[in-house]
Amino acid sequence: MHHHDDTEACVEQLRTALTANGITLPSLAVDLPSFASAYAGPLLVSLGNCNTATAHALTAALRKAAGE
């Protein structure tokens, strides 16, 4: 059983957290092919592609959160 609403909420929470750190992942979304999967596990979140500046910003935010 897929929980689309939970996955959408997760995507929006992640988008909000990333935005609070000045990070935008334009392709961030629920992974649509996982709807068609025979596997009944949780839906996947597609993070998509990003440029190196965004990857560096994401790395810095994660390191800061980890106390590095």
N, C-alpha and C. Protein backbone atom coordinates (compact mmCIF):
# COMPACT_ATOMS: atom_id res chain seq x y z
N MET A 1 0.84 -1.19 0.00
CA MET A 1 0.00 0.00 0.00
C MET A 1 0.89 1.25 0.00
N HIS A 2 0.67 2.10 -0.96
CA HIS A 2 1.44 3.34 -1.06
C HIS A 2 0.79 4.42 -0.20
N HIS A 3 1.62 5.25 0.37
CA HIS A 3 1.13 6.36 1.18
C HIS A 3 1.55 7.66 0.50
N HIS A 4 0.82 8.01 -0.56
CA HIS A 4 1.15 9.18 -1.37
C HIS A 4 1.17 10.45 -0.55
N ASP A 5 0.18 10.64 0.33
CA ASP A 5 0.11 11.87 1.12
C ASP A 5 1.32 12.01 2.03
N ASP A 6 1.75 10.90 2.65
CA ASP A 6 2.94 10.94 3.51
C ASP A 6 4.17 11.31 2.71
N THR A 7 4.29 10.74 1.51
CA THR A 7 5.45 11.01 0.68
C THR A 7 5.45 12.46 0.20
N GLU A 8 4.28 12.96 -0.20
CA GLU A 8 4.18 14.37 -0.61
C GLU A 8 4.55 15.29 0.55
N ALA A 9 4.09 14.97 1.75
CA ALA A 9 4.41 15.78 2.93
C ALA A 9 5.92 15.75 3.19
N CYS A 10 6.52 14.59 3.03
CA CYS A 10 7.96 14.46 3.21
C CYS A 10 8.71 15.34 2.21
N VAL A 11 8.29 15.29 0.97
CA VAL A 11 8.92 16.11 -0.08
C VAL A 11 8.81 17.59 0.27
N GLU A 12 7.64 18.02 0.71
CA GLU A 12 7.45 19.44 1.05
C GLU A 12 8.27 19.84 2.26
N GLN A 13 8.39 18.96 3.26
CA GLN A 13 9.21 19.25 4.43
C GLN A 13 10.68 19.35 4.04
N LEU A 14 11.12 18.47 3.17
CA LEU A 14 12.50 18.51 2.70
C LEU A 14 12.74 19.78 1.90
N ARG A 15 11.80 20.14 1.02
CA ARG A 15 11.93 21.35 0.23
C ARG A 15 12.04 22.58 1.15
N THR A 16 11.22 22.63 2.19
CA THR A 16 11.24 23.74 3.13
C THR A 16 12.57 23.81 3.87
N ALA A 17 13.07 22.66 4.32
CA ALA A 17 14.35 22.62 5.03
C ALA A 17 15.50 23.04 4.13
N LEU A 18 15.47 22.58 2.89
CA LEU A 18 16.51 22.97 1.94
C LEU A 18 16.45 24.47 1.66
N THR A 19 15.25 24.98 1.45
CA THR A 19 15.08 26.41 1.18
C THR A 19 15.59 27.24 2.34
N ALA A 20 15.36 26.79 3.57
CA ALA A 20 15.84 27.51 4.76
C ALA A 20 17.36 27.59 4.78
N ASN A 21 18.01 26.69 4.06
CA ASN A 21 19.47 26.70 3.96
C ASN A 21 19.95 27.26 2.63
N GLY A 22 19.03 27.90 1.89
CA GLY A 22 19.41 28.51 0.61
C GLY A 22 19.66 27.52 -0.50
N ILE A 23 19.06 26.35 -0.41
CA ILE A 23 19.29 25.27 -1.38
C ILE A 23 18.00 24.95 -2.11
N THR A 24 18.09 24.86 -3.43
CA THR A 24 16.94 24.48 -4.25
C THR A 24 17.31 23.28 -5.11
N LEU A 25 16.53 22.23 -5.00
CA LEU A 25 16.67 21.07 -5.89
C LEU A 25 15.45 21.10 -6.81
N PRO A 26 15.61 21.62 -8.04
CA PRO A 26 14.47 21.82 -8.92
C PRO A 26 13.68 20.55 -9.24
N SER A 27 14.33 19.41 -9.22
CA SER A 27 13.66 18.16 -9.59
C SER A 27 13.13 17.40 -8.38
N LEU A 28 13.18 17.97 -7.20
CA LEU A 28 12.69 17.30 -6.00
C LEU A 28 11.21 16.99 -6.14
N ALA A 29 10.86 15.71 -6.02
CA ALA A 29 9.46 15.29 -6.21
C ALA A 29 9.29 13.84 -5.77
N VAL A 30 8.04 13.42 -5.71
CA VAL A 30 7.75 12.00 -5.52
C VAL A 30 8.17 11.29 -6.79
N ASP A 31 8.86 10.17 -6.65
CA ASP A 31 9.32 9.39 -7.80
C ASP A 31 8.12 8.69 -8.44
N LEU A 32 7.68 9.21 -9.58
CA LEU A 32 6.48 8.68 -10.22
C LEU A 32 6.57 7.21 -10.63
N PRO A 33 7.71 6.71 -11.11
CA PRO A 33 7.76 5.28 -11.46
C PRO A 33 7.50 4.36 -10.27
N SER A 34 7.73 4.83 -9.04
CA SER A 34 7.48 3.94 -7.90
C SER A 34 5.99 3.68 -7.70
N PHE A 35 5.11 4.51 -8.29
CA PHE A 35 3.68 4.24 -8.25
C PHE A 35 3.35 2.97 -9.03
N ALA A 36 4.08 2.71 -10.10
CA ALA A 36 3.80 1.57 -10.97
C ALA A 36 4.52 0.30 -10.52
N SER A 37 5.31 0.41 -9.49
CA SER A 37 6.09 -0.72 -9.03
C SER A 37 5.21 -1.80 -8.43
N ALA A 38 5.59 -3.04 -8.66
CA ALA A 38 4.88 -4.16 -8.04
C ALA A 38 5.27 -4.27 -6.57
N TYR A 39 6.37 -3.65 -6.20
CA TYR A 39 6.84 -3.64 -4.82
C TYR A 39 5.93 -2.74 -4.00
N ALA A 40 5.39 -3.24 -2.91
CA ALA A 40 4.42 -2.49 -2.12
C ALA A 40 5.08 -1.64 -1.02
N GLY A 41 6.37 -1.41 -1.14
CA GLY A 41 7.08 -0.63 -0.14
C GLY A 41 6.75 0.84 -0.25
N PRO A 42 7.43 1.65 0.53
CA PRO A 42 7.16 3.09 0.50
C PRO A 42 7.55 3.71 -0.85
N LEU A 43 6.84 4.77 -1.21
CA LEU A 43 7.19 5.50 -2.42
C LEU A 43 8.57 6.12 -2.25
N LEU A 44 9.24 6.34 -3.35
CA LEU A 44 10.56 6.93 -3.32
C LEU A 44 10.47 8.44 -3.55
N VAL A 45 11.46 9.14 -3.04
CA VAL A 45 11.59 10.58 -3.28
C VAL A 45 12.72 10.76 -4.27
N SER A 46 12.43 11.45 -5.36
CA SER A 46 13.43 11.74 -6.37
C SER A 46 14.09 13.07 -6.05
N LEU A 47 15.39 13.04 -5.77
CA LEU A 47 16.10 14.27 -5.47
C LEU A 47 16.53 14.99 -6.74
N GLY A 48 16.65 14.27 -7.81
CA GLY A 48 16.98 14.89 -9.10
C GLY A 48 18.43 15.31 -9.21
N ASN A 49 18.70 16.02 -10.25
CA ASN A 49 20.06 16.50 -10.53
C ASN A 49 20.24 17.90 -9.97
N CYS A 50 21.49 18.26 -9.72
CA CYS A 50 21.80 19.62 -9.31
C CYS A 50 23.20 19.97 -9.80
N ASN A 51 23.47 21.27 -9.84
CA ASN A 51 24.80 21.70 -10.27
C ASN A 51 25.78 21.60 -9.09
N THR A 52 27.06 21.82 -9.35
CA THR A 52 28.06 21.66 -8.30
C THR A 52 27.90 22.70 -7.19
N ALA A 53 27.45 23.89 -7.51
CA ALA A 53 27.24 24.91 -6.47
C ALA A 53 26.18 24.44 -5.48
N THR A 54 25.10 23.84 -5.98
CA THR A 54 24.05 23.32 -5.11
C THR A 54 24.57 22.14 -4.31
N ALA A 55 25.35 21.26 -4.92
CA ALA A 55 25.92 20.12 -4.22
C ALA A 55 26.84 20.58 -3.09
N HIS A 56 27.65 21.61 -3.35
CA HIS A 56 28.52 22.17 -2.30
C HIS A 56 27.70 22.77 -1.16
N ALA A 57 26.63 23.48 -1.50
CA ALA A 57 25.77 24.08 -0.48
C ALA A 57 25.09 23.00 0.37
N LEU A 58 24.65 21.94 -0.27
CA LEU A 58 24.02 20.83 0.45
C LEU A 58 25.04 20.15 1.37
N THR A 59 26.23 19.94 0.88
CA THR A 59 27.29 19.34 1.69
C THR A 59 27.60 20.21 2.91
N ALA A 60 27.71 21.51 2.70
CA ALA A 60 28.00 22.43 3.81
C ALA A 60 26.87 22.42 4.85
N ALA A 61 25.63 22.40 4.40
CA ALA A 61 24.49 22.37 5.32
C ALA A 61 24.48 21.07 6.13
N LEU A 62 24.75 19.96 5.48
CA LEU A 62 24.77 18.68 6.19
C LEU A 62 25.92 18.61 7.18
N ARG A 63 27.08 19.13 6.79
CA ARG A 63 28.23 19.14 7.71
C ARG A 63 27.94 20.04 8.92
N LYS A 64 27.33 21.18 8.68
CA LYS A 64 26.97 22.08 9.77
C LYS A 64 26.00 21.41 10.73
N ALA A 65 24.99 20.73 10.17
CA ALA A 65 24.00 20.03 11.00
C ALA A 65 24.64 18.90 11.80
N ALA A 66 25.68 18.29 11.24
CA ALA A 66 26.38 17.20 11.91
C ALA A 66 27.40 17.70 12.93
N GLY A 67 27.56 19.02 13.00
CA GLY A 67 28.51 19.60 13.95
C GLY A 67 29.95 19.56 13.51
N GLU A 68 30.16 19.40 12.23
CA GLU A 68 31.55 19.37 11.71
C GLU A 68 32.08 20.78 11.51
